[in-house]
Every structure is written in C-alpha cells, then in structure tokens.
N, C-alpha and C. Protein backbone atom coordinates (compact mmCIF):
# COMPACT_ATOMS: atom_id res chain seq x y z
N MET A 1 51.56 40.77 13.33
CA MET A 1 51.53 40.97 12.18
C MET A 1 50.34 40.55 11.33
N ASN A 2 49.46 41.72 10.97
CA ASN A 2 48.51 41.55 10.43
C ASN A 2 48.18 41.75 9.04
N LEU A 3 47.29 41.58 8.64
CA LEU A 3 47.41 40.94 7.06
C LEU A 3 47.87 42.14 6.03
N ILE A 4 47.16 43.35 6.41
CA ILE A 4 47.84 44.57 5.70
C ILE A 4 49.43 44.48 5.34
N ASP A 5 50.25 44.53 6.89
CA ASP A 5 51.53 44.58 7.07
C ASP A 5 52.04 43.15 6.35
N PHE A 6 51.39 42.32 6.21
CA PHE A 6 51.95 40.80 5.51
C PHE A 6 51.66 41.23 3.73
N PHE A 7 50.70 42.00 3.32
CA PHE A 7 50.36 42.49 2.13
C PHE A 7 51.93 43.48 1.79
N THR A 8 51.70 44.18 2.30
CA THR A 8 52.50 45.22 2.10
C THR A 8 54.38 45.10 2.20
N ASN A 9 54.27 44.40 2.52
CA ASN A 9 56.14 43.61 3.02
C ASN A 9 56.17 42.74 1.88
N ASN A 10 55.30 42.12 1.49
CA ASN A 10 55.17 40.77 0.43
C ASN A 10 54.79 41.03 -1.03
N TYR A 11 54.37 42.28 -1.18
CA TYR A 11 53.36 42.71 -2.43
C TYR A 11 54.25 42.25 -4.02
N GLN A 12 55.37 42.23 -3.39
CA GLN A 12 56.57 41.94 -4.57
C GLN A 12 56.37 40.68 -5.05
N TRP A 13 56.65 39.36 -3.90
CA TRP A 13 56.57 38.24 -3.76
C TRP A 13 55.42 37.51 -4.21
N ILE A 14 54.09 38.26 -3.81
CA ILE A 14 52.80 38.09 -3.95
C ILE A 14 51.98 37.73 -5.37
N PHE A 15 52.74 39.31 -6.05
CA PHE A 15 52.34 38.98 -7.50
C PHE A 15 53.04 39.01 -8.43
N SER A 16 54.27 38.33 -8.14
CA SER A 16 55.08 37.50 -9.21
C SER A 16 54.60 36.08 -9.67
N GLY A 17 54.99 35.70 -10.05
CA GLY A 17 54.79 34.47 -11.08
C GLY A 17 54.55 33.11 -10.28
N ILE A 18 55.28 33.14 -9.01
CA ILE A 18 55.43 31.88 -7.90
C ILE A 18 54.13 32.54 -7.23
N GLY A 19 54.37 33.25 -7.25
CA GLY A 19 53.35 33.80 -5.92
C GLY A 19 51.83 33.20 -6.12
N VAL A 20 51.47 34.01 -7.74
CA VAL A 20 50.35 34.13 -8.04
C VAL A 20 49.68 32.37 -7.95
N VAL A 21 50.56 31.70 -8.70
CA VAL A 21 50.80 30.28 -8.82
C VAL A 21 50.50 29.40 -7.60
N ILE A 22 50.87 29.87 -6.21
CA ILE A 22 50.71 29.32 -5.14
C ILE A 22 49.55 29.58 -4.45
N ILE A 23 49.15 30.74 -5.00
CA ILE A 23 47.72 30.99 -4.12
C ILE A 23 46.85 30.67 -4.96
N THR A 24 46.96 30.63 -6.32
CA THR A 24 45.95 30.30 -6.83
C THR A 24 45.75 28.86 -6.94
N GLY A 25 46.88 27.78 -6.63
CA GLY A 25 46.37 26.63 -6.23
C GLY A 25 45.74 26.39 -4.75
N VAL A 26 46.28 27.23 -3.88
CA VAL A 26 45.61 27.17 -2.53
C VAL A 26 44.12 27.59 -2.35
N PHE A 27 43.96 28.36 -3.14
CA PHE A 27 42.12 28.46 -3.50
C PHE A 27 41.68 27.41 -4.10
N GLY A 28 42.22 26.63 -5.44
CA GLY A 28 41.94 25.51 -5.95
C GLY A 28 41.43 24.59 -5.40
N LEU A 29 42.26 24.60 -4.12
CA LEU A 29 42.29 22.92 -3.38
C LEU A 29 41.12 23.31 -2.62
N LEU A 30 40.80 24.61 -1.76
CA LEU A 30 39.87 24.92 -0.65
C LEU A 30 38.53 24.81 -1.57
N PHE A 31 38.98 25.30 -2.79
CA PHE A 31 37.39 25.24 -3.63
C PHE A 31 36.90 23.25 -4.11
N ARG A 32 37.98 23.07 -4.42
CA ARG A 32 37.63 21.81 -4.37
C ARG A 32 37.09 20.58 -3.63
N HIS A 33 37.86 20.74 -2.08
CA HIS A 33 37.45 20.61 -1.49
C HIS A 33 35.98 20.76 -0.65
N LYS A 34 35.72 21.61 -0.73
CA LYS A 34 34.23 21.77 -0.28
C LYS A 34 33.22 21.61 -1.73
N LYS A 35 33.15 21.44 -2.41
CA LYS A 35 32.89 20.98 -3.33
C LYS A 35 32.50 19.31 -3.84
N LYS A 36 33.55 18.97 -3.14
CA LYS A 36 33.69 17.04 -2.70
C LYS A 36 32.75 17.01 -1.76
N ASP A 37 32.94 17.91 -0.61
CA ASP A 37 32.21 17.62 0.48
C ASP A 37 30.45 17.73 0.36
N SER A 38 30.19 18.57 -0.24
CA SER A 38 28.85 18.48 -0.86
C SER A 38 28.29 17.55 -1.77
N THR A 39 29.17 17.27 -2.42
CA THR A 39 28.57 15.81 -3.78
C THR A 39 28.65 14.96 -2.88
N SER A 40 29.49 14.52 -2.11
CA SER A 40 29.49 13.19 -1.53
C SER A 40 28.60 13.02 -0.16
N GLN A 41 27.75 14.69 0.22
CA GLN A 41 26.52 14.37 1.37
C GLN A 41 25.58 14.12 0.06
N THR A 42 25.53 14.51 -0.67
CA THR A 42 24.26 13.90 -1.71
C THR A 42 24.32 12.80 -2.22
N GLU A 43 25.59 12.35 -2.51
CA GLU A 43 25.59 10.35 -2.56
C GLU A 43 24.82 9.54 -1.58
N LYS A 44 25.63 10.24 -0.36
CA LYS A 44 25.49 9.35 0.86
C LYS A 44 23.56 9.60 1.30
N ASN A 45 22.59 10.67 1.05
CA ASN A 45 21.44 10.76 1.49
C ASN A 45 20.46 10.61 0.06
N PRO A 46 20.80 10.13 -0.67
CA PRO A 46 19.65 10.76 -2.28
C PRO A 46 18.54 9.97 -1.71
N SER A 47 17.20 10.70 -2.02
CA SER A 47 16.34 10.22 -1.81
C SER A 47 15.50 9.60 -2.48
N GLN A 48 15.07 8.06 -2.11
CA GLN A 48 14.45 6.91 -3.40
C GLN A 48 13.16 7.59 -4.06
N GLY A 49 13.34 7.03 -4.84
CA GLY A 49 11.90 7.23 -5.77
C GLY A 49 11.98 7.76 -6.86
N ASN A 50 11.91 8.88 -6.96
CA ASN A 50 11.98 9.80 -8.43
C ASN A 50 13.62 9.86 -8.73
N VAL A 51 14.62 9.52 -7.65
CA VAL A 51 15.81 10.22 -8.31
C VAL A 51 16.26 9.10 -9.45
N PRO A 52 16.59 9.97 -10.18
CA PRO A 52 17.20 8.93 -11.85
C PRO A 52 17.79 8.37 -11.18
N SER A 53 18.35 7.33 -12.18
CA SER A 53 19.50 6.16 -11.98
C SER A 53 20.97 6.64 -12.35
N ARG A 54 20.98 7.57 -12.64
CA ARG A 54 22.19 8.03 -13.02
C ARG A 54 22.86 8.95 -11.44
N LEU A 55 22.17 9.25 -10.76
CA LEU A 55 22.61 9.84 -9.67
C LEU A 55 22.76 8.57 -8.41
N LEU A 56 22.08 7.66 -8.76
CA LEU A 56 22.03 6.32 -8.03
C LEU A 56 23.16 5.23 -7.77
N ASP A 57 23.99 4.86 -7.02
CA ASP A 57 24.83 3.58 -7.51
C ASP A 57 24.29 2.48 -7.79
N ASN A 58 25.28 1.46 -8.63
CA ASN A 58 24.59 0.23 -8.86
C ASN A 58 24.00 -0.70 -8.28
N THR A 59 24.24 -0.71 -6.71
CA THR A 59 23.74 -1.16 -5.55
C THR A 59 22.15 -0.80 -5.20
N GLN A 60 22.26 0.42 -5.34
CA GLN A 60 21.11 1.24 -4.88
C GLN A 60 20.04 1.01 -6.32
N VAL A 61 20.39 0.92 -7.55
CA VAL A 61 19.46 0.73 -8.41
C VAL A 61 19.19 -0.89 -9.09
N ALA A 62 19.79 -1.47 -8.60
CA ALA A 62 19.35 -2.78 -8.70
C ALA A 62 18.59 -3.34 -7.27
N LYS A 63 18.55 -2.47 -6.02
CA LYS A 63 18.05 -2.70 -5.12
C LYS A 63 16.17 -2.37 -5.48
N THR A 64 16.22 -0.89 -5.78
CA THR A 64 14.77 -0.67 -6.33
C THR A 64 14.40 -1.65 -7.43
N GLN A 65 14.83 -2.19 -8.07
CA GLN A 65 14.22 -2.76 -9.33
C GLN A 65 14.15 -4.33 -8.58
N ASN A 66 15.08 -4.94 -7.89
CA ASN A 66 14.23 -5.90 -7.24
C ASN A 66 12.84 -6.24 -6.00
N ASP A 67 13.11 -4.72 -5.81
CA ASP A 67 11.98 -4.35 -5.17
C ASP A 67 10.49 -3.99 -5.55
N LEU A 68 10.48 -4.00 -6.65
CA LEU A 68 9.53 -3.53 -7.74
C LEU A 68 8.87 -5.12 -8.34
N LYS A 69 10.49 -6.07 -8.31
CA LYS A 69 10.20 -7.28 -8.58
C LYS A 69 9.11 -8.34 -7.77
N LEU A 70 9.52 -8.20 -6.66
CA LEU A 70 8.88 -8.66 -5.66
C LEU A 70 7.66 -7.93 -5.08
N LYS A 71 7.36 -7.02 -5.27
CA LYS A 71 5.84 -6.34 -5.04
C LYS A 71 5.13 -6.49 -5.94
N THR A 72 5.24 -6.23 -7.08
CA THR A 72 4.34 -6.19 -8.30
C THR A 72 3.61 -7.80 -8.98
N SER A 73 2.29 -7.63 -9.14
CA SER A 73 1.40 -8.87 -9.23
C SER A 73 1.12 -8.52 -10.63
N ILE A 74 1.39 -9.43 -11.40
CA ILE A 74 1.11 -9.12 -13.11
C ILE A 74 0.05 -10.54 -13.67
N LEU A 75 -0.94 -10.14 -14.36
CA LEU A 75 -1.78 -11.08 -14.86
C LEU A 75 -1.90 -11.17 -16.45
N PHE A 76 -1.92 -12.21 -16.80
CA PHE A 76 -2.19 -12.34 -18.31
C PHE A 76 -3.49 -13.28 -18.48
N VAL A 77 -4.44 -12.27 -19.20
CA VAL A 77 -5.61 -13.24 -19.27
C VAL A 77 -5.64 -13.27 -21.32
N ASP A 78 -5.53 -15.50 -21.33
CA ASP A 78 -5.28 -15.33 -22.65
C ASP A 78 -5.75 -17.04 -22.39
N ASP A 79 -6.19 -16.85 -23.62
CA ASP A 79 -6.78 -18.14 -23.90
C ASP A 79 -5.98 -19.42 -24.43
N GLU A 80 -4.97 -18.65 -24.86
CA GLU A 80 -3.29 -19.35 -24.99
C GLU A 80 -2.64 -19.21 -24.37
N THR A 81 -1.51 -20.69 -24.62
CA THR A 81 -0.10 -20.11 -23.86
C THR A 81 0.65 -18.86 -24.51
N PHE A 82 0.71 -17.84 -23.59
CA PHE A 82 1.59 -16.98 -24.07
C PHE A 82 3.31 -16.98 -23.39
N ASN A 83 4.42 -16.76 -24.46
CA ASN A 83 5.57 -17.28 -24.04
C ASN A 83 6.40 -16.01 -23.33
N VAL A 84 5.40 -15.14 -22.97
CA VAL A 84 5.89 -13.53 -22.36
C VAL A 84 5.82 -14.03 -21.27
N VAL A 85 4.85 -14.69 -20.68
CA VAL A 85 4.52 -14.99 -19.33
C VAL A 85 5.70 -15.70 -18.75
N ASN A 86 6.31 -16.36 -19.28
CA ASN A 86 7.84 -17.04 -18.74
C ASN A 86 9.21 -16.60 -18.98
N ILE A 87 9.04 -15.82 -19.70
CA ILE A 87 10.08 -14.44 -20.17
C ILE A 87 9.88 -14.10 -18.91
N LEU A 88 9.11 -13.36 -18.67
CA LEU A 88 9.07 -12.09 -17.36
C LEU A 88 9.06 -12.70 -15.92
N LYS A 89 8.97 -14.00 -15.86
CA LYS A 89 9.17 -14.79 -14.71
C LYS A 89 10.93 -14.84 -14.79
N LYS A 90 11.39 -15.18 -15.80
CA LYS A 90 12.98 -15.58 -15.88
C LYS A 90 13.35 -14.56 -15.78
N SER A 91 13.12 -13.44 -15.89
CA SER A 91 13.72 -11.94 -15.76
C SER A 91 13.32 -11.25 -14.24
N GLY A 92 12.67 -12.12 -13.26
CA GLY A 92 12.96 -12.06 -11.95
C GLY A 92 11.63 -11.20 -11.62
N TRP A 93 10.25 -11.15 -12.68
CA TRP A 93 9.04 -11.07 -12.24
C TRP A 93 8.53 -12.32 -11.94
N ILE A 94 8.25 -12.66 -10.47
CA ILE A 94 8.24 -14.11 -9.95
C ILE A 94 6.76 -13.93 -9.88
N ASN A 95 5.74 -12.76 -9.27
CA ASN A 95 4.40 -13.02 -9.38
C ASN A 95 3.93 -12.72 -10.50
N THR A 96 4.37 -12.95 -11.71
CA THR A 96 3.44 -13.06 -13.06
C THR A 96 2.81 -14.59 -12.95
N SER A 97 1.51 -14.59 -13.59
CA SER A 97 1.02 -15.84 -13.88
C SER A 97 -0.58 -15.41 -14.93
N SER A 98 -1.12 -16.58 -15.75
CA SER A 98 -1.56 -16.61 -16.28
C SER A 98 -3.23 -17.12 -16.02
N LYS A 99 -4.23 -16.82 -16.59
CA LYS A 99 -5.39 -17.70 -16.81
C LYS A 99 -5.91 -17.20 -17.71
N LYS A 100 -6.81 -18.21 -18.27
CA LYS A 100 -7.55 -18.76 -19.99
C LYS A 100 -8.60 -17.91 -19.75
N ASP A 101 -9.33 -17.17 -18.89
CA ASP A 101 -10.31 -16.25 -18.83
C ASP A 101 -10.88 -16.44 -17.47
N ILE A 102 -11.74 -15.12 -16.95
CA ILE A 102 -12.01 -14.17 -15.85
C ILE A 102 -13.69 -14.87 -15.71
N ASP A 103 -13.96 -15.16 -14.66
CA ASP A 103 -15.29 -15.78 -14.67
C ASP A 103 -16.25 -14.74 -13.05
N ASP A 104 -15.00 -13.93 -12.92
CA ASP A 104 -15.53 -12.94 -11.92
C ASP A 104 -14.65 -12.15 -11.51
N LEU A 105 -14.75 -11.10 -11.77
CA LEU A 105 -14.44 -9.38 -11.78
C LEU A 105 -13.45 -9.16 -10.40
N ASP A 106 -14.43 -9.66 -9.26
CA ASP A 106 -14.27 -9.98 -7.49
C ASP A 106 -13.18 -11.25 -7.38
N SER A 107 -12.56 -11.68 -8.38
CA SER A 107 -11.79 -13.07 -8.10
C SER A 107 -10.24 -12.25 -7.29
N SER A 108 -10.15 -13.13 -6.52
CA SER A 108 -8.64 -13.08 -5.63
C SER A 108 -7.68 -12.90 -7.03
N VAL A 109 -7.41 -13.29 -7.73
CA VAL A 109 -6.67 -13.57 -8.74
C VAL A 109 -6.48 -11.56 -9.32
N VAL A 110 -7.72 -11.37 -9.63
CA VAL A 110 -8.08 -9.90 -10.40
C VAL A 110 -7.62 -8.79 -9.13
N LYS A 111 -8.08 -9.02 -8.11
CA LYS A 111 -8.08 -8.27 -7.05
C LYS A 111 -6.47 -8.18 -6.53
N ASN A 112 -5.42 -9.17 -6.89
CA ASN A 112 -4.48 -9.04 -6.20
C ASN A 112 -3.26 -8.62 -7.32
N ALA A 113 -3.92 -8.46 -8.82
CA ALA A 113 -2.80 -7.97 -10.00
C ALA A 113 -2.75 -6.45 -9.67
N ASN A 114 -1.63 -6.09 -9.84
CA ASN A 114 -1.20 -4.57 -10.28
C ASN A 114 -1.62 -4.46 -11.89
N ILE A 115 -1.29 -4.88 -12.57
CA ILE A 115 -1.23 -4.95 -14.17
C ILE A 115 -1.80 -6.44 -14.36
N ILE A 116 -2.67 -6.17 -15.13
CA ILE A 116 -3.39 -7.16 -16.06
C ILE A 116 -3.32 -6.66 -17.87
N PHE A 117 -2.82 -7.80 -18.33
CA PHE A 117 -2.63 -8.00 -19.27
C PHE A 117 -3.72 -8.78 -20.06
N VAL A 118 -4.67 -8.53 -21.14
CA VAL A 118 -6.03 -9.10 -21.40
C VAL A 118 -5.48 -9.16 -23.25
N ASP A 119 -5.62 -10.67 -24.00
CA ASP A 119 -5.95 -10.80 -25.49
C ASP A 119 -7.50 -10.40 -25.44
N ILE A 120 -7.29 -9.56 -26.73
CA ILE A 120 -8.66 -9.42 -27.22
C ILE A 120 -9.39 -10.43 -27.63
N ASN A 121 -9.01 -11.99 -28.32
CA ASN A 121 -9.59 -12.63 -28.62
C ASN A 121 -9.87 -13.89 -27.53
N GLY A 122 -10.83 -14.62 -27.55
CA GLY A 122 -10.78 -15.73 -26.86
C GLY A 122 -11.35 -15.76 -25.22
N VAL A 123 -11.12 -14.32 -24.79
CA VAL A 123 -11.10 -14.34 -23.51
C VAL A 123 -12.66 -12.93 -23.12
N GLY A 124 -13.12 -13.06 -22.38
CA GLY A 124 -14.31 -12.27 -21.64
C GLY A 124 -15.38 -13.13 -22.17
N ILE A 125 -15.50 -14.31 -22.63
CA ILE A 125 -16.80 -15.23 -22.82
C ILE A 125 -17.68 -15.40 -21.76
N LYS A 126 -16.86 -16.12 -20.62
CA LYS A 126 -16.95 -16.33 -19.23
C LYS A 126 -18.47 -15.66 -18.92
N LEU A 127 -17.44 -13.75 -18.96
CA LEU A 127 -18.77 -13.03 -18.23
C LEU A 127 -19.56 -12.42 -19.69
N GLN A 128 -19.63 -13.05 -20.60
CA GLN A 128 -20.33 -12.68 -21.86
C GLN A 128 -20.36 -11.33 -22.51
N PHE A 129 -18.84 -11.02 -22.61
CA PHE A 129 -18.68 -9.84 -22.94
C PHE A 129 -19.20 -10.00 -24.78
N LYS A 130 -19.69 -9.24 -25.11
CA LYS A 130 -19.63 -9.31 -26.58
C LYS A 130 -18.27 -8.93 -27.30
N ASN A 131 -17.97 -8.32 -27.02
CA ASN A 131 -16.50 -7.93 -28.04
C ASN A 131 -15.61 -8.36 -27.21
N GLN A 132 -15.64 -9.78 -26.51
CA GLN A 132 -14.39 -10.60 -25.78
C GLN A 132 -13.23 -9.86 -24.71
N GLY A 133 -12.31 -9.84 -25.05
CA GLY A 133 -11.38 -9.38 -24.92
C GLY A 133 -11.17 -7.85 -24.23
N LEU A 134 -12.15 -7.11 -25.16
CA LEU A 134 -11.66 -5.83 -25.10
C LEU A 134 -13.24 -4.93 -24.17
N GLY A 135 -14.11 -5.88 -24.16
CA GLY A 135 -15.28 -5.48 -23.16
C GLY A 135 -14.33 -5.67 -21.90
N LEU A 136 -13.87 -7.04 -21.42
CA LEU A 136 -13.16 -7.08 -20.35
C LEU A 136 -12.31 -6.27 -19.98
N ALA A 137 -11.65 -5.60 -20.80
CA ALA A 137 -10.71 -5.06 -20.49
C ALA A 137 -11.22 -3.60 -19.69
N GLY A 138 -11.96 -3.05 -20.69
CA GLY A 138 -12.78 -1.70 -20.17
C GLY A 138 -13.57 -2.09 -19.24
N ALA A 139 -13.99 -3.20 -18.77
CA ALA A 139 -14.93 -3.35 -17.42
C ALA A 139 -13.82 -3.29 -16.35
N LEU A 140 -12.53 -3.99 -16.43
CA LEU A 140 -11.53 -4.13 -15.57
C LEU A 140 -10.78 -2.68 -15.32
N LYS A 141 -10.96 -1.84 -16.46
CA LYS A 141 -10.37 -0.40 -15.88
C LYS A 141 -11.46 0.36 -14.90
N GLU A 142 -12.59 0.35 -15.39
CA GLU A 142 -13.84 1.08 -15.30
C GLU A 142 -13.93 0.70 -13.20
N LYS A 143 -13.84 -0.99 -13.25
CA LYS A 143 -14.02 -1.28 -12.05
C LYS A 143 -12.86 -0.89 -10.97
N PHE A 144 -11.73 -1.32 -11.74
CA PHE A 144 -10.33 -0.92 -10.47
C PHE A 144 -9.36 0.04 -11.54
N PRO A 145 -9.89 1.54 -11.24
CA PRO A 145 -8.91 2.29 -12.09
C PRO A 145 -7.64 2.48 -11.65
N GLU A 146 -7.31 2.13 -10.38
CA GLU A 146 -5.93 2.08 -9.90
C GLU A 146 -4.93 0.78 -10.64
N LYS A 147 -5.47 -0.15 -11.20
CA LYS A 147 -4.54 -0.91 -11.83
C LYS A 147 -3.96 -1.11 -13.15
N LYS A 148 -3.76 -1.28 -13.86
CA LYS A 148 -2.68 -0.77 -15.19
C LYS A 148 -3.55 -2.14 -15.87
N ILE A 149 -4.29 -1.20 -16.92
CA ILE A 149 -4.60 -2.01 -17.79
C ILE A 149 -4.09 -2.73 -19.28
N VAL A 150 -3.30 -3.60 -19.57
CA VAL A 150 -3.09 -3.59 -21.24
C VAL A 150 -3.45 -4.46 -22.04
N ILE A 151 -4.18 -4.11 -23.28
CA ILE A 151 -4.86 -5.03 -24.47
C ILE A 151 -3.63 -5.36 -25.28
N TYR A 152 -3.85 -6.40 -25.61
CA TYR A 152 -3.32 -7.01 -26.76
C TYR A 152 -3.72 -8.07 -27.73
N SER A 153 -2.88 -8.13 -29.26
CA SER A 153 -3.94 -9.03 -29.95
C SER A 153 -2.58 -9.03 -31.07
N ALA A 154 -3.44 -10.33 -31.82
CA ALA A 154 -2.28 -10.84 -32.58
C ALA A 154 -2.50 -10.03 -33.97
N GLU A 155 -4.23 -9.51 -34.24
CA GLU A 155 -4.87 -8.85 -35.21
C GLU A 155 -3.88 -7.26 -35.40
N THR A 156 -3.76 -6.77 -36.48
CA THR A 156 -3.23 -5.66 -37.04
C THR A 156 -3.64 -5.07 -37.62
N THR A 157 -5.20 -4.91 -38.30
CA THR A 157 -5.59 -4.51 -38.58
C THR A 157 -6.72 -4.14 -38.24
N GLY A 158 -7.89 -2.83 -38.75
CA GLY A 158 -9.32 -2.84 -38.06
C GLY A 158 -9.12 -1.68 -36.95
N ASN A 159 -10.09 -1.42 -36.28
CA ASN A 159 -10.16 -0.33 -35.59
C ASN A 159 -10.67 -0.75 -34.41
N ARG A 160 -10.58 -2.07 -34.05
CA ARG A 160 -10.86 -2.47 -32.79
C ARG A 160 -10.72 -1.80 -31.63
N PHE A 161 -9.64 -1.40 -31.51
CA PHE A 161 -8.94 -0.96 -30.51
C PHE A 161 -9.34 0.33 -30.24
N GLU A 162 -9.83 1.20 -31.23
CA GLU A 162 -10.11 2.59 -31.15
C GLU A 162 -10.69 2.90 -29.78
N LYS A 163 -12.03 2.82 -29.30
CA LYS A 163 -12.77 3.28 -28.22
C LYS A 163 -12.02 3.08 -27.10
N ILE A 164 -11.89 1.63 -26.67
CA ILE A 164 -11.03 0.95 -25.81
C ILE A 164 -9.87 1.98 -25.36
N LEU A 165 -9.27 2.28 -26.23
CA LEU A 165 -7.66 2.70 -26.14
C LEU A 165 -8.19 3.75 -25.20
N GLN A 166 -9.07 4.51 -24.92
CA GLN A 166 -9.33 5.74 -24.50
C GLN A 166 -9.42 5.41 -22.66
N LYS A 167 -10.27 3.46 -22.29
CA LYS A 167 -10.08 3.62 -21.26
C LYS A 167 -9.05 3.06 -20.87
N VAL A 168 -8.17 2.06 -21.61
CA VAL A 168 -7.21 1.65 -20.73
C VAL A 168 -5.95 2.20 -21.00
N ASP A 169 -4.53 1.60 -20.05
CA ASP A 169 -3.42 2.18 -20.14
C ASP A 169 -2.43 1.91 -21.19
N ALA A 170 -2.76 0.93 -22.01
CA ALA A 170 -1.08 0.60 -22.94
C ALA A 170 -1.90 -0.59 -24.25
N CYS A 171 -1.67 -0.58 -24.85
CA CYS A 171 -1.59 -1.45 -26.22
C CYS A 171 -0.92 -2.11 -26.81
N LEU A 172 -0.45 -3.19 -26.97
CA LEU A 172 0.52 -3.65 -27.78
C LEU A 172 0.10 -5.12 -28.51
N PRO A 173 0.60 -4.95 -29.94
CA PRO A 173 0.71 -6.31 -30.75
C PRO A 173 1.31 -7.37 -29.80
N LYS A 174 0.52 -8.51 -30.12
CA LYS A 174 0.78 -9.84 -29.40
C LYS A 174 2.32 -9.83 -30.06
N ASN A 175 2.59 -9.69 -31.20
CA ASN A 175 3.94 -10.47 -31.92
C ASN A 175 4.88 -9.42 -31.44
N ALA A 176 4.65 -8.38 -30.65
CA ALA A 176 5.78 -7.01 -30.43
C ALA A 176 6.63 -7.97 -29.59
N GLU A 177 8.07 -7.33 -29.25
CA GLU A 177 9.41 -7.78 -28.87
C GLU A 177 8.91 -8.19 -27.48
N PRO A 178 9.33 -9.03 -26.43
CA PRO A 178 9.26 -9.19 -25.09
C PRO A 178 9.81 -8.19 -24.29
N TYR A 179 10.88 -8.05 -25.02
CA TYR A 179 11.72 -6.61 -24.44
C TYR A 179 10.51 -5.34 -24.12
N GLU A 180 9.56 -5.57 -25.06
CA GLU A 180 8.57 -4.44 -25.19
C GLU A 180 7.68 -4.76 -23.87
N PHE A 181 7.27 -5.73 -23.65
CA PHE A 181 6.54 -5.99 -22.68
C PHE A 181 7.05 -5.81 -21.17
N ILE A 182 8.59 -6.28 -21.15
CA ILE A 182 9.28 -6.38 -19.89
C ILE A 182 9.48 -4.27 -19.79
N GLN A 183 9.77 -3.65 -20.39
CA GLN A 183 9.62 -2.45 -20.33
C GLN A 183 8.53 -1.61 -19.96
N LEU A 184 7.61 -2.28 -20.48
CA LEU A 184 5.90 -1.65 -19.85
C LEU A 184 5.91 -1.57 -18.72
N VAL A 185 6.04 -3.27 -18.47
CA VAL A 185 5.98 -3.95 -16.84
C VAL A 185 7.10 -2.89 -15.80
N GLU A 186 7.91 -2.29 -16.50
CA GLU A 186 9.23 -1.89 -15.63
C GLU A 186 8.28 -0.43 -15.20
N ASN A 187 8.17 0.20 -16.47
CA ASN A 187 7.07 1.47 -16.30
C ASN A 187 6.19 1.65 -15.21
N PHE A 188 5.29 0.60 -15.50
CA PHE A 188 4.30 0.65 -14.86
C PHE A 188 4.42 0.49 -12.95
N ALA A 189 5.42 -0.15 -12.97
CA ALA A 189 5.89 -1.09 -11.71
C ALA A 189 6.27 0.33 -10.91
N PHE A 190 6.89 0.89 -11.29
CA PHE A 190 7.83 2.28 -10.90
C PHE A 190 6.37 3.57 -10.83
N ASP A 191 5.41 3.02 -11.57
CA ASP A 191 4.43 3.78 -11.41
C ASP A 191 3.40 3.94 -10.34
N ILE A 192 3.54 2.02 -9.96
CA ILE A 192 2.42 2.29 -8.73
C ILE A 192 3.01 2.00 -7.71
N TYR A 193 4.42 1.80 -7.61
CA TYR A 193 5.18 1.65 -6.24
C TYR A 193 6.56 2.51 -5.96
N GLY A 194 6.83 3.65 -7.22
CA GLY A 194 7.92 4.54 -6.88
C GLY A 194 7.55 5.50 -6.15
N GLU A 195 6.50 5.88 -6.29
CA GLU A 195 6.04 7.25 -5.59
C GLU A 195 5.97 6.87 -4.08
N LYS A 196 5.38 5.63 -3.63
CA LYS A 196 5.41 5.49 -2.26
C LYS A 196 6.34 5.01 -1.64
N ASN A 197 7.46 4.43 -2.45
CA ASN A 197 8.98 4.07 -1.97
C ASN A 197 9.65 5.21 -1.62
N SER A 198 8.89 6.41 -1.94
CA SER A 198 9.82 8.27 -1.56
C SER A 198 9.69 8.25 -0.55
N LYS A 199 8.08 7.66 -0.13
CA LYS A 199 7.97 8.48 1.20
C LYS A 199 8.31 7.51 2.43
C-alpha cells in the first residue's frame, strides 16, 4: 500500500480530532529529537576562549579561570604594604608579588609580569622620574606595550592622571574595593591569554 492509498482510505480518521493529535505528537517528537541532538553536539565541543560563560558548564568555567590564575603574573610597585596583594593571592592569583620600587626596567621581575600596578607616590625614585610613579608607569607602557599597566593613587584631587591616562591601560583610586582590583585582573588576564587559549 503506497502513501496515497493510505491517505485515501484513512482520510476521515487522519483529519479527525484523535488523528490530528497523534500526527502532531509524532512530528513534535521528531523535531525535539533533532533539536536535542544539535544542542548536545554544540555543548560537547564548545571552542575555548571567546565562549560566553553561560554556554560553558561550571567545570569548564572553573578550569579556564584556574588556568588564567596560574599563568598570569602580577606585580605591584608600591613603597608601602598594600593589602590587595594578599587578597589577590588568597583569591588564587598565586603569581602576585610586590616591590617597593623598580631600579631597572629590564629586570626579570618586570619582564615576567603580565600586569603591573604602579602607585603614583613614592616609586619611580630609583630611576629618577620627576613625576615618580606616573613617569615610571609611562616608561613601562612605552617599553612594554603588550603589558597591562595600571596606575593607582590615594590622591583623589588634581589632574595628575590626565596625560598618563592616554598611555596606561587603567587607573584606580587606592581605596577602591579589592573586588575592583580583582575584576580588573580577571579582565586583563583574559585579554592576554583568552585569545591564545582558543587557538
């Protein structure tokens, strides 16, 4: 019996209420099955790197974040003890260190750092920058444009940041919430390593 004979002999049943419900149900199951296969295939093979975290499961997101924390080297240049250094370490950014000042732009501690935070007061003195940390931050960015350079200061008034802001990657007040420092580090770490991880 071919399809035309089947429809001819059963058209009353097919177009009755029960027939329509059954046919709709069969087509609905087939469509859902194909959609599920397509979705599961996408979830099995997401490309790493630029995939939004909502498309990754928790294990993949944690793995990516842990990789970034292990790879990223962070340096704080500050003549005073800055508690954010310890907070970053406790948050898993284990390659975070601090120095009271820089006496050589080509030192290993500078070359190994991916992200460098520079206080504008009390640093840059060893290299005799007139603007102290501002001069140091500008020189670091010129010499190492691939590094992320951030300046921070306890000063909240004046226009000391105006020119240097055109060179460096970010500026934070020294009394900013530790979360703001962590968020900045996360964003910069992904900028540095996210594209490379996807290849």
